[in-house]
Amino acid sequence: MIGRRRTAIGFATLAVLVLLWFALTTWTGIVSAGRFPSPADFWFSLVQIATRGYAGGELFTHALHSLILVAVGFVVAVTTGVPIGLWMGWSRRAEAAINPVFLIIRPIPPLAWIPLAILWLGLGDAAKIMVIWFAAFVPSVINSFSGIRDIERPIIEAARMMGTPRWRFVAEILVVCTENAIRVDDMMESPKLAK
């Protein structure tokens, strides 16, 4: 019952906003079509873009291209951010060297990198990938760093006492124990702060 009520309230709010949109653009003319298109103009343009395309490509083509850019930016961010975070979490020297620089760039919102990305890389796909990279890089570093620091000391000491080779220690202890912190859904939550 509560779920239906919330859904009804959501649809009612949407309907009121569309009516307000009609009132401001079409019925009263308070907002000119040059500044903000009417709902009819918007719907016509949406249908035109979906059927005939826009800027030499169909809507599906543009959406697929955007998804590819997001995937590339995310993969590059994870493949660079996770090793840096693991290294910082494991080595106090690496943390001392990298963390000051990381703490300077960490609070910068990803959108603030857009002008620099355009300046450095131009208007092409590389600038878009850079902004996406930065948006995913910071959480991947923080979460992998925190994951290493959250490993219980007895696990590390037991592996060392058993003479675990370095590559097995990294692959089977460090990566496995930090897997939950590195997972994608954890990156989307509010990340822990690097110390």
N, C-alpha and C. Protein backbone atom coordinates (compact mmCIF):
# COMPACT_ATOMS: atom_id res chain seq x y z
N MET A 1 0.82 -1.21 0.00
CA MET A 1 0.00 0.00 0.00
C MET A 1 0.86 1.27 0.00
N ILE A 2 1.91 1.25 0.83
CA ILE A 2 2.78 2.42 0.91
C ILE A 2 3.54 2.59 -0.40
N GLY A 3 3.96 1.47 -1.01
CA GLY A 3 4.68 1.54 -2.28
C GLY A 3 3.82 2.14 -3.38
N ARG A 4 2.53 1.77 -3.42
CA ARG A 4 1.63 2.33 -4.44
C ARG A 4 1.42 3.82 -4.22
N ARG A 5 1.32 4.20 -2.95
CA ARG A 5 1.12 5.62 -2.64
C ARG A 5 2.33 6.44 -3.09
N ARG A 6 3.52 5.92 -2.81
CA ARG A 6 4.73 6.63 -3.23
C ARG A 6 4.82 6.73 -4.75
N THR A 7 4.46 5.65 -5.43
CA THR A 7 4.47 5.67 -6.90
C THR A 7 3.48 6.70 -7.41
N ALA A 8 2.29 6.73 -6.81
CA ALA A 8 1.27 7.70 -7.24
C ALA A 8 1.74 9.13 -6.99
N ILE A 9 2.39 9.36 -5.86
CA ILE A 9 2.90 10.70 -5.56
C ILE A 9 3.98 11.09 -6.57
N GLY A 10 4.83 10.14 -6.93
CA GLY A 10 5.87 10.41 -7.92
C GLY A 10 5.29 10.77 -9.28
N PHE A 11 4.28 10.01 -9.73
CA PHE A 11 3.63 10.32 -11.01
C PHE A 11 2.89 11.65 -10.94
N ALA A 12 2.26 11.94 -9.81
CA ALA A 12 1.55 13.22 -9.66
C ALA A 12 2.53 14.39 -9.73
N THR A 13 3.67 14.25 -9.09
CA THR A 13 4.69 15.30 -9.14
C THR A 13 5.18 15.51 -10.57
N LEU A 14 5.42 14.42 -11.28
CA LEU A 14 5.85 14.51 -12.67
C LEU A 14 4.79 15.20 -13.53
N ALA A 15 3.52 14.84 -13.31
CA ALA A 15 2.43 15.46 -14.08
C ALA A 15 2.34 16.96 -13.79
N VAL A 16 2.50 17.35 -12.54
CA VAL A 16 2.46 18.78 -12.18
C VAL A 16 3.61 19.52 -12.85
N LEU A 17 4.80 18.92 -12.87
CA LEU A 17 5.94 19.57 -13.51
C LEU A 17 5.74 19.72 -15.02
N VAL A 18 5.16 18.70 -15.66
CA VAL A 18 4.89 18.80 -17.10
C VAL A 18 3.83 19.87 -17.36
N LEU A 19 2.80 19.93 -16.53
CA LEU A 19 1.78 20.98 -16.68
C LEU A 19 2.39 22.37 -16.48
N LEU A 20 3.26 22.50 -15.51
CA LEU A 20 3.94 23.77 -15.28
C LEU A 20 4.80 24.13 -16.49
N TRP A 21 5.46 23.14 -17.06
CA TRP A 21 6.27 23.33 -18.27
C TRP A 21 5.41 23.83 -19.41
N PHE A 22 4.24 23.18 -19.61
CA PHE A 22 3.30 23.64 -20.64
C PHE A 22 2.85 25.06 -20.36
N ALA A 23 2.51 25.34 -19.10
CA ALA A 23 1.99 26.66 -18.75
C ALA A 23 3.02 27.75 -19.02
N LEU A 24 4.26 27.51 -18.67
CA LEU A 24 5.29 28.54 -18.82
C LEU A 24 5.72 28.75 -20.27
N THR A 25 5.69 27.69 -21.08
CA THR A 25 6.22 27.80 -22.44
C THR A 25 5.14 27.95 -23.51
N THR A 26 4.03 27.26 -23.37
CA THR A 26 3.04 27.23 -24.44
C THR A 26 1.84 28.12 -24.15
N TRP A 27 1.23 27.94 -22.99
CA TRP A 27 -0.02 28.65 -22.71
C TRP A 27 0.19 30.12 -22.40
N THR A 28 1.15 30.45 -21.54
CA THR A 28 1.32 31.85 -21.15
C THR A 28 2.43 32.54 -21.92
N GLY A 29 3.42 31.80 -22.37
CA GLY A 29 4.54 32.38 -23.10
C GLY A 29 5.50 33.14 -22.21
N ILE A 30 5.45 32.90 -20.89
CA ILE A 30 6.36 33.59 -19.98
C ILE A 30 7.81 33.25 -20.32
N VAL A 31 8.05 31.99 -20.64
CA VAL A 31 9.39 31.55 -21.05
C VAL A 31 9.35 31.35 -22.56
N SER A 32 10.23 32.05 -23.27
CA SER A 32 10.22 31.96 -24.73
C SER A 32 10.78 30.62 -25.19
N ALA A 33 10.34 30.18 -26.37
CA ALA A 33 10.80 28.90 -26.93
C ALA A 33 12.29 28.94 -27.24
N GLY A 34 12.84 30.13 -27.47
CA GLY A 34 14.26 30.25 -27.72
C GLY A 34 15.11 29.94 -26.49
N ARG A 35 14.54 30.22 -25.32
CA ARG A 35 15.27 29.96 -24.08
C ARG A 35 15.03 28.54 -23.56
N PHE A 36 13.81 28.06 -23.71
CA PHE A 36 13.45 26.74 -23.18
C PHE A 36 12.36 26.17 -24.07
N PRO A 37 12.59 25.03 -24.72
CA PRO A 37 11.60 24.51 -25.66
C PRO A 37 10.34 24.02 -24.95
N SER A 38 9.25 24.06 -25.68
CA SER A 38 7.98 23.56 -25.13
C SER A 38 8.02 22.03 -25.10
N PRO A 39 7.13 21.40 -24.33
CA PRO A 39 7.08 19.94 -24.31
C PRO A 39 6.86 19.33 -25.69
N ALA A 40 6.04 19.99 -26.53
CA ALA A 40 5.79 19.47 -27.88
C ALA A 40 7.06 19.52 -28.72
N ASP A 41 7.81 20.63 -28.64
CA ASP A 41 9.08 20.73 -29.36
C ASP A 41 10.09 19.69 -28.87
N PHE A 42 10.10 19.51 -27.56
CA PHE A 42 11.01 18.52 -26.98
C PHE A 42 10.67 17.12 -27.49
N TRP A 43 9.39 16.76 -27.45
CA TRP A 43 8.97 15.43 -27.89
C TRP A 43 9.26 15.23 -29.38
N PHE A 44 9.00 16.26 -30.19
CA PHE A 44 9.28 16.16 -31.63
C PHE A 44 10.77 15.94 -31.87
N SER A 45 11.62 16.68 -31.17
CA SER A 45 13.07 16.53 -31.34
C SER A 45 13.54 15.16 -30.87
N LEU A 46 12.97 14.67 -29.78
CA LEU A 46 13.35 13.35 -29.28
C LEU A 46 13.01 12.25 -30.28
N VAL A 47 11.80 12.33 -30.85
CA VAL A 47 11.40 11.33 -31.85
C VAL A 47 12.29 11.44 -33.08
N GLN A 48 12.60 12.66 -33.49
CA GLN A 48 13.46 12.86 -34.66
C GLN A 48 14.86 12.29 -34.42
N ILE A 49 15.42 12.53 -33.24
CA ILE A 49 16.75 12.00 -32.93
C ILE A 49 16.72 10.48 -32.87
N ALA A 50 15.65 9.93 -32.29
CA ALA A 50 15.56 8.47 -32.16
C ALA A 50 15.35 7.78 -33.50
N THR A 51 14.65 8.43 -34.42
CA THR A 51 14.34 7.77 -35.70
C THR A 51 15.32 8.14 -36.81
N ARG A 52 15.59 9.42 -36.97
CA ARG A 52 16.45 9.87 -38.08
C ARG A 52 17.90 10.09 -37.69
N GLY A 53 18.16 10.21 -36.41
CA GLY A 53 19.53 10.39 -35.96
C GLY A 53 19.88 11.85 -35.74
N TYR A 54 21.09 12.06 -35.28
CA TYR A 54 21.57 13.40 -34.96
C TYR A 54 23.08 13.42 -35.16
N ALA A 55 23.58 14.44 -35.78
CA ALA A 55 25.02 14.63 -36.02
C ALA A 55 25.65 13.42 -36.69
N GLY A 56 24.96 12.90 -37.68
CA GLY A 56 25.52 11.81 -38.46
C GLY A 56 25.42 10.44 -37.83
N GLY A 57 24.64 10.28 -36.79
CA GLY A 57 24.49 8.96 -36.16
C GLY A 57 23.16 8.83 -35.47
N GLU A 58 22.73 7.60 -35.28
CA GLU A 58 21.47 7.35 -34.59
C GLU A 58 21.68 7.42 -33.08
N LEU A 59 20.56 7.53 -32.37
CA LEU A 59 20.60 7.63 -30.92
C LEU A 59 21.32 6.42 -30.31
N PHE A 60 21.01 5.23 -30.83
CA PHE A 60 21.64 4.01 -30.32
C PHE A 60 23.16 4.06 -30.51
N THR A 61 23.60 4.56 -31.64
CA THR A 61 25.04 4.66 -31.92
C THR A 61 25.73 5.59 -30.93
N HIS A 62 25.10 6.74 -30.67
CA HIS A 62 25.67 7.69 -29.71
C HIS A 62 25.68 7.11 -28.30
N ALA A 63 24.59 6.43 -27.92
CA ALA A 63 24.52 5.83 -26.59
C ALA A 63 25.57 4.74 -26.43
N LEU A 64 25.74 3.91 -27.45
CA LEU A 64 26.75 2.85 -27.40
C LEU A 64 28.16 3.44 -27.29
N HIS A 65 28.41 4.50 -28.04
CA HIS A 65 29.72 5.15 -27.98
C HIS A 65 29.98 5.69 -26.57
N SER A 66 28.96 6.29 -25.96
CA SER A 66 29.11 6.81 -24.60
C SER A 66 29.38 5.68 -23.61
N LEU A 67 28.68 4.56 -23.76
CA LEU A 67 28.91 3.42 -22.87
C LEU A 67 30.32 2.87 -23.02
N ILE A 68 30.83 2.85 -24.24
CA ILE A 68 32.20 2.39 -24.47
C ILE A 68 33.19 3.33 -23.78
N LEU A 69 32.96 4.64 -23.88
CA LEU A 69 33.85 5.60 -23.21
C LEU A 69 33.84 5.41 -21.70
N VAL A 70 32.65 5.19 -21.13
CA VAL A 70 32.54 4.95 -19.69
C VAL A 70 33.29 3.68 -19.30
N ALA A 71 33.11 2.62 -20.09
CA ALA A 71 33.78 1.35 -19.79
C ALA A 71 35.30 1.49 -19.86
N VAL A 72 35.79 2.17 -20.90
CA VAL A 72 37.24 2.35 -21.04
C VAL A 72 37.79 3.18 -19.88
N GLY A 73 37.12 4.28 -19.56
CA GLY A 73 37.56 5.12 -18.44
C GLY A 73 37.57 4.36 -17.13
N PHE A 74 36.54 3.54 -16.91
CA PHE A 74 36.45 2.78 -15.67
C PHE A 74 37.53 1.71 -15.59
N VAL A 75 37.75 1.00 -16.69
CA VAL A 75 38.78 -0.05 -16.70
C VAL A 75 40.16 0.56 -16.47
N VAL A 76 40.45 1.67 -17.11
CA VAL A 76 41.75 2.33 -16.92
C VAL A 76 41.88 2.80 -15.47
N ALA A 77 40.80 3.33 -14.89
CA ALA A 77 40.84 3.79 -13.50
C ALA A 77 41.10 2.65 -12.53
N VAL A 78 40.43 1.54 -12.74
CA VAL A 78 40.61 0.40 -11.84
C VAL A 78 42.00 -0.21 -12.00
N THR A 79 42.48 -0.32 -13.24
CA THR A 79 43.80 -0.92 -13.45
C THR A 79 44.94 -0.02 -12.97
N THR A 80 44.68 1.27 -12.82
CA THR A 80 45.71 2.16 -12.26
C THR A 80 45.47 2.42 -10.77
N GLY A 81 44.22 2.58 -10.37
CA GLY A 81 43.91 2.95 -9.00
C GLY A 81 44.08 1.83 -7.99
N VAL A 82 43.65 0.63 -8.36
CA VAL A 82 43.75 -0.49 -7.41
C VAL A 82 45.20 -0.82 -7.08
N PRO A 83 46.10 -0.96 -8.06
CA PRO A 83 47.50 -1.23 -7.68
C PRO A 83 48.13 -0.11 -6.84
N ILE A 84 47.80 1.14 -7.15
CA ILE A 84 48.35 2.24 -6.35
C ILE A 84 47.82 2.18 -4.93
N GLY A 85 46.52 1.92 -4.78
CA GLY A 85 45.94 1.81 -3.44
C GLY A 85 46.51 0.63 -2.66
N LEU A 86 46.69 -0.51 -3.34
CA LEU A 86 47.29 -1.68 -2.68
C LEU A 86 48.72 -1.38 -2.26
N TRP A 87 49.46 -0.72 -3.13
CA TRP A 87 50.85 -0.39 -2.83
C TRP A 87 50.93 0.59 -1.65
N MET A 88 50.07 1.61 -1.66
CA MET A 88 50.05 2.57 -0.56
C MET A 88 49.65 1.90 0.75
N GLY A 89 48.67 0.98 0.67
CA GLY A 89 48.22 0.30 1.88
C GLY A 89 49.25 -0.65 2.45
N TRP A 90 50.08 -1.23 1.58
CA TRP A 90 51.06 -2.21 2.04
C TRP A 90 52.37 -1.57 2.46
N SER A 91 52.80 -0.54 1.75
CA SER A 91 54.11 0.06 2.00
C SER A 91 53.96 1.45 2.61
N ARG A 92 54.52 1.62 3.80
CA ARG A 92 54.48 2.95 4.44
C ARG A 92 55.28 3.97 3.63
N ARG A 93 56.34 3.52 2.98
CA ARG A 93 57.13 4.43 2.15
C ARG A 93 56.33 4.90 0.95
N ALA A 94 55.63 3.97 0.30
CA ALA A 94 54.80 4.35 -0.84
C ALA A 94 53.70 5.30 -0.40
N GLU A 95 53.12 5.03 0.77
CA GLU A 95 52.08 5.93 1.28
C GLU A 95 52.66 7.32 1.54
N ALA A 96 53.86 7.37 2.13
CA ALA A 96 54.48 8.66 2.42
C ALA A 96 54.80 9.42 1.14
N ALA A 97 55.13 8.71 0.07
CA ALA A 97 55.47 9.37 -1.19
C ALA A 97 54.24 9.79 -1.99
N ILE A 98 53.21 8.93 -2.03
CA ILE A 98 52.07 9.15 -2.92
C ILE A 98 50.93 9.90 -2.23
N ASN A 99 50.70 9.61 -0.95
CA ASN A 99 49.51 10.14 -0.28
C ASN A 99 49.43 11.67 -0.27
N PRO A 100 50.53 12.43 -0.07
CA PRO A 100 50.39 13.89 -0.10
C PRO A 100 49.84 14.42 -1.43
N VAL A 101 50.34 13.86 -2.53
CA VAL A 101 49.84 14.29 -3.85
C VAL A 101 48.39 13.84 -4.02
N PHE A 102 48.10 12.61 -3.59
CA PHE A 102 46.74 12.09 -3.72
C PHE A 102 45.75 12.92 -2.91
N LEU A 103 46.14 13.33 -1.71
CA LEU A 103 45.25 14.13 -0.87
C LEU A 103 44.99 15.52 -1.45
N ILE A 104 45.88 15.99 -2.31
CA ILE A 104 45.65 17.28 -2.98
C ILE A 104 44.61 17.13 -4.09
N ILE A 105 44.72 16.04 -4.88
CA ILE A 105 43.79 15.89 -6.01
C ILE A 105 42.48 15.22 -5.63
N ARG A 106 42.44 14.53 -4.47
CA ARG A 106 41.24 13.78 -4.08
C ARG A 106 39.99 14.64 -3.94
N PRO A 107 40.05 15.81 -3.31
CA PRO A 107 38.81 16.57 -3.13
C PRO A 107 38.32 17.30 -4.39
N ILE A 108 39.10 17.28 -5.46
CA ILE A 108 38.68 17.99 -6.68
C ILE A 108 37.57 17.19 -7.36
N PRO A 109 36.41 17.78 -7.58
CA PRO A 109 35.32 17.05 -8.24
C PRO A 109 35.70 16.70 -9.67
N PRO A 110 35.23 15.55 -10.17
CA PRO A 110 35.56 15.15 -11.54
C PRO A 110 35.20 16.19 -12.59
N LEU A 111 34.09 16.89 -12.40
CA LEU A 111 33.68 17.89 -13.39
C LEU A 111 34.65 19.07 -13.46
N ALA A 112 35.38 19.30 -12.38
CA ALA A 112 36.35 20.40 -12.39
C ALA A 112 37.54 20.09 -13.29
N TRP A 113 37.72 18.82 -13.66
CA TRP A 113 38.82 18.43 -14.54
C TRP A 113 38.48 18.65 -16.01
N ILE A 114 37.23 18.95 -16.33
CA ILE A 114 36.82 19.10 -17.73
C ILE A 114 37.63 20.17 -18.46
N PRO A 115 37.78 21.39 -17.91
CA PRO A 115 38.57 22.39 -18.65
C PRO A 115 40.02 21.95 -18.89
N LEU A 116 40.63 21.34 -17.87
CA LEU A 116 42.01 20.87 -18.05
C LEU A 116 42.08 19.73 -19.05
N ALA A 117 41.10 18.84 -19.01
CA ALA A 117 41.09 17.72 -19.97
C ALA A 117 40.97 18.24 -21.39
N ILE A 118 40.13 19.25 -21.59
CA ILE A 118 39.98 19.84 -22.93
C ILE A 118 41.27 20.55 -23.34
N LEU A 119 41.87 21.27 -22.40
CA LEU A 119 43.11 21.99 -22.69
C LEU A 119 44.25 21.03 -23.04
N TRP A 120 44.36 19.95 -22.28
CA TRP A 120 45.46 19.00 -22.48
C TRP A 120 45.22 18.04 -23.63
N LEU A 121 43.97 17.57 -23.77
CA LEU A 121 43.69 16.48 -24.71
C LEU A 121 42.76 16.86 -25.85
N GLY A 122 42.25 18.09 -25.86
CA GLY A 122 41.35 18.51 -26.93
C GLY A 122 39.91 18.09 -26.67
N LEU A 123 39.08 18.19 -27.70
CA LEU A 123 37.66 17.91 -27.55
C LEU A 123 37.29 16.46 -27.89
N GLY A 124 38.25 15.62 -28.13
CA GLY A 124 37.96 14.25 -28.53
C GLY A 124 37.62 13.34 -27.37
N ASP A 125 37.66 12.05 -27.66
CA ASP A 125 37.30 11.04 -26.68
C ASP A 125 38.29 10.95 -25.53
N ALA A 126 39.54 11.29 -25.77
CA ALA A 126 40.56 11.18 -24.71
C ALA A 126 40.21 12.06 -23.52
N ALA A 127 39.70 13.26 -23.77
CA ALA A 127 39.33 14.16 -22.67
C ALA A 127 38.17 13.58 -21.87
N LYS A 128 37.21 12.98 -22.55
CA LYS A 128 36.07 12.38 -21.86
C LYS A 128 36.52 11.20 -21.01
N ILE A 129 37.42 10.39 -21.57
CA ILE A 129 37.93 9.24 -20.83
C ILE A 129 38.71 9.70 -19.60
N MET A 130 39.44 10.82 -19.72
CA MET A 130 40.20 11.33 -18.58
C MET A 130 39.27 11.71 -17.43
N VAL A 131 38.16 12.39 -17.73
CA VAL A 131 37.23 12.80 -16.68
C VAL A 131 36.59 11.57 -16.04
N ILE A 132 36.20 10.59 -16.85
CA ILE A 132 35.62 9.35 -16.32
C ILE A 132 36.66 8.61 -15.49
N TRP A 133 37.90 8.58 -15.99
CA TRP A 133 38.99 7.94 -15.26
C TRP A 133 39.14 8.54 -13.87
N PHE A 134 39.16 9.87 -13.80
CA PHE A 134 39.35 10.51 -12.50
C PHE A 134 38.19 10.20 -11.56
N ALA A 135 36.97 10.17 -12.09
CA ALA A 135 35.80 9.91 -11.24
C ALA A 135 35.88 8.53 -10.60
N ALA A 136 36.45 7.54 -11.28
CA ALA A 136 36.55 6.19 -10.73
C ALA A 136 37.90 5.92 -10.08
N PHE A 137 38.92 6.68 -10.43
CA PHE A 137 40.27 6.45 -9.90
C PHE A 137 40.34 6.70 -8.40
N VAL A 138 39.79 7.82 -7.95
CA VAL A 138 39.88 8.19 -6.54
C VAL A 138 39.22 7.14 -5.64
N PRO A 139 37.97 6.72 -5.91
CA PRO A 139 37.39 5.67 -5.05
C PRO A 139 38.14 4.35 -5.10
N SER A 140 38.69 3.99 -6.27
CA SER A 140 39.41 2.72 -6.34
C SER A 140 40.69 2.77 -5.51
N VAL A 141 41.39 3.89 -5.50
CA VAL A 141 42.59 4.02 -4.66
C VAL A 141 42.20 3.96 -3.18
N ILE A 142 41.20 4.73 -2.80
CA ILE A 142 40.80 4.80 -1.39
C ILE A 142 40.32 3.44 -0.90
N ASN A 143 39.48 2.77 -1.67
CA ASN A 143 38.93 1.49 -1.21
C ASN A 143 39.98 0.39 -1.15
N SER A 144 40.89 0.34 -2.12
CA SER A 144 41.93 -0.68 -2.06
C SER A 144 42.92 -0.38 -0.93
N PHE A 145 43.22 0.89 -0.71
CA PHE A 145 44.07 1.29 0.42
C PHE A 145 43.44 0.87 1.74
N SER A 146 42.16 1.18 1.91
CA SER A 146 41.46 0.82 3.14
C SER A 146 41.35 -0.69 3.30
N GLY A 147 41.15 -1.39 2.18
CA GLY A 147 41.05 -2.84 2.24
C GLY A 147 42.32 -3.48 2.75
N ILE A 148 43.47 -2.99 2.31
CA ILE A 148 44.76 -3.51 2.79
C ILE A 148 44.92 -3.21 4.28
N ARG A 149 44.58 -1.99 4.68
CA ARG A 149 44.76 -1.61 6.08
C ARG A 149 43.79 -2.35 7.01
N ASP A 150 42.69 -2.86 6.47
CA ASP A 150 41.71 -3.57 7.29
C ASP A 150 42.01 -5.06 7.44
N ILE A 151 43.05 -5.57 6.76
CA ILE A 151 43.41 -6.98 6.91
C ILE A 151 43.91 -7.20 8.34
N GLU A 152 43.40 -8.23 8.97
CA GLU A 152 43.80 -8.50 10.35
C GLU A 152 45.26 -8.95 10.39
N ARG A 153 45.98 -8.45 11.38
CA ARG A 153 47.41 -8.73 11.50
C ARG A 153 47.73 -10.23 11.62
N PRO A 154 46.94 -11.02 12.37
CA PRO A 154 47.26 -12.45 12.48
C PRO A 154 47.28 -13.18 11.13
N ILE A 155 46.47 -12.75 10.17
CA ILE A 155 46.46 -13.38 8.84
C ILE A 155 47.80 -13.15 8.15
N ILE A 156 48.28 -11.92 8.21
CA ILE A 156 49.56 -11.59 7.58
C ILE A 156 50.71 -12.33 8.27
N GLU A 157 50.69 -12.36 9.61
CA GLU A 157 51.76 -13.04 10.34
C GLU A 157 51.75 -14.54 10.09
N ALA A 158 50.57 -15.15 9.99
CA ALA A 158 50.48 -16.58 9.72
C ALA A 158 51.05 -16.90 8.34
N ALA A 159 50.73 -16.08 7.35
CA ALA A 159 51.26 -16.31 6.00
C ALA A 159 52.78 -16.17 5.98
N ARG A 160 53.31 -15.22 6.72
CA ARG A 160 54.77 -15.05 6.77
C ARG A 160 55.44 -16.23 7.49
N MET A 161 54.81 -16.69 8.59
CA MET A 161 55.38 -17.81 9.33
C MET A 161 55.42 -19.08 8.49
N MET A 162 54.44 -19.24 7.61
CA MET A 162 54.38 -20.44 6.77
C MET A 162 55.30 -20.32 5.56
N GLY A 163 55.98 -19.20 5.42
CA GLY A 163 56.92 -19.03 4.31
C GLY A 163 56.24 -18.89 2.96
N THR A 164 55.09 -18.23 2.93
CA THR A 164 54.36 -18.04 1.67
C THR A 164 55.19 -17.20 0.71
N PRO A 165 55.39 -17.68 -0.53
CA PRO A 165 56.13 -16.87 -1.51
C PRO A 165 55.44 -15.53 -1.76
N ARG A 166 56.22 -14.55 -2.14
CA ARG A 166 55.69 -13.18 -2.30
C ARG A 166 54.53 -13.12 -3.28
N TRP A 167 54.63 -13.77 -4.45
CA TRP A 167 53.56 -13.69 -5.45
C TRP A 167 52.30 -14.35 -4.94
N ARG A 168 52.42 -15.47 -4.18
CA ARG A 168 51.22 -16.11 -3.61
C ARG A 168 50.65 -15.25 -2.50
N PHE A 169 51.52 -14.60 -1.74
CA PHE A 169 51.07 -13.72 -0.67
C PHE A 169 50.23 -12.58 -1.23
N VAL A 170 50.72 -11.97 -2.32
CA VAL A 170 49.97 -10.88 -2.95
C VAL A 170 48.66 -11.40 -3.54
N ALA A 171 48.74 -12.50 -4.31
CA ALA A 171 47.56 -13.00 -5.03
C ALA A 171 46.52 -13.62 -4.11
N GLU A 172 46.96 -14.38 -3.09
CA GLU A 172 46.02 -15.15 -2.29
C GLU A 172 45.68 -14.51 -0.95
N ILE A 173 46.49 -13.61 -0.47
CA ILE A 173 46.19 -12.97 0.81
C ILE A 173 45.73 -11.53 0.58
N LEU A 174 46.60 -10.72 -0.02
CA LEU A 174 46.27 -9.30 -0.15
C LEU A 174 45.06 -9.07 -1.05
N VAL A 175 45.08 -9.62 -2.25
CA VAL A 175 43.98 -9.37 -3.20
C VAL A 175 42.69 -10.00 -2.71
N VAL A 176 42.75 -11.24 -2.20
CA VAL A 176 41.54 -11.91 -1.74
C VAL A 176 40.95 -11.20 -0.52
N CYS A 177 41.80 -10.78 0.41
CA CYS A 177 41.29 -10.12 1.62
C CYS A 177 40.75 -8.72 1.34
N THR A 178 41.23 -8.09 0.28
CA THR A 178 40.74 -6.74 -0.04
C THR A 178 39.65 -6.76 -1.11
N GLU A 179 39.24 -7.95 -1.53
CA GLU A 179 38.27 -8.05 -2.63
C GLU A 179 36.98 -7.30 -2.34
N ASN A 180 36.46 -7.43 -1.11
CA ASN A 180 35.20 -6.75 -0.79
C ASN A 180 35.34 -5.23 -0.84
N ALA A 181 36.51 -4.72 -0.46
CA ALA A 181 36.71 -3.27 -0.50
C ALA A 181 36.88 -2.76 -1.92
N ILE A 182 37.39 -3.63 -2.81
CA ILE A 182 37.68 -3.20 -4.18
C ILE A 182 36.47 -3.37 -5.09
N ARG A 183 35.51 -4.20 -4.70
CA ARG A 183 34.37 -4.50 -5.57
C ARG A 183 33.70 -3.23 -6.08
N VAL A 184 33.09 -3.34 -7.25
CA VAL A 184 32.48 -2.19 -7.92
C VAL A 184 31.39 -1.56 -7.07
N ASP A 185 30.53 -2.37 -6.46
CA ASP A 185 29.42 -1.77 -5.71
C ASP A 185 29.92 -1.02 -4.48
N ASP A 186 31.06 -1.43 -3.92
CA ASP A 186 31.61 -0.69 -2.79
C ASP A 186 32.20 0.64 -3.24
N MET A 187 32.69 0.70 -4.50
CA MET A 187 33.24 1.96 -5.00
C MET A 187 32.15 3.01 -5.17
N MET A 188 30.91 2.57 -5.37
CA MET A 188 29.83 3.52 -5.58
C MET A 188 29.32 4.09 -4.26
N GLU A 189 29.63 3.44 -3.14
CA GLU A 189 29.24 3.96 -1.85
C GLU A 189 30.22 5.04 -1.43
N SER A 190 29.92 5.69 -0.31
CA SER A 190 30.85 6.73 0.13
C SER A 190 32.15 6.08 0.59
N PRO A 191 33.27 6.43 -0.04
CA PRO A 191 34.53 5.78 0.29
C PRO A 191 35.08 6.23 1.63
N LYS A 192 35.89 5.36 2.21
CA LYS A 192 36.57 5.72 3.45
C LYS A 192 37.65 6.75 3.13
N LEU A 193 37.98 7.55 4.10
CA LEU A 193 39.00 8.57 3.87
C LEU A 193 40.38 7.98 4.06
N ALA A 194 41.28 8.35 3.17
CA ALA A 194 42.67 7.92 3.33
C ALA A 194 43.28 8.68 4.50
N LYS A 195 44.03 7.98 5.29
CA LYS A 195 44.62 8.62 6.48
C LYS A 195 45.91 9.31 6.13
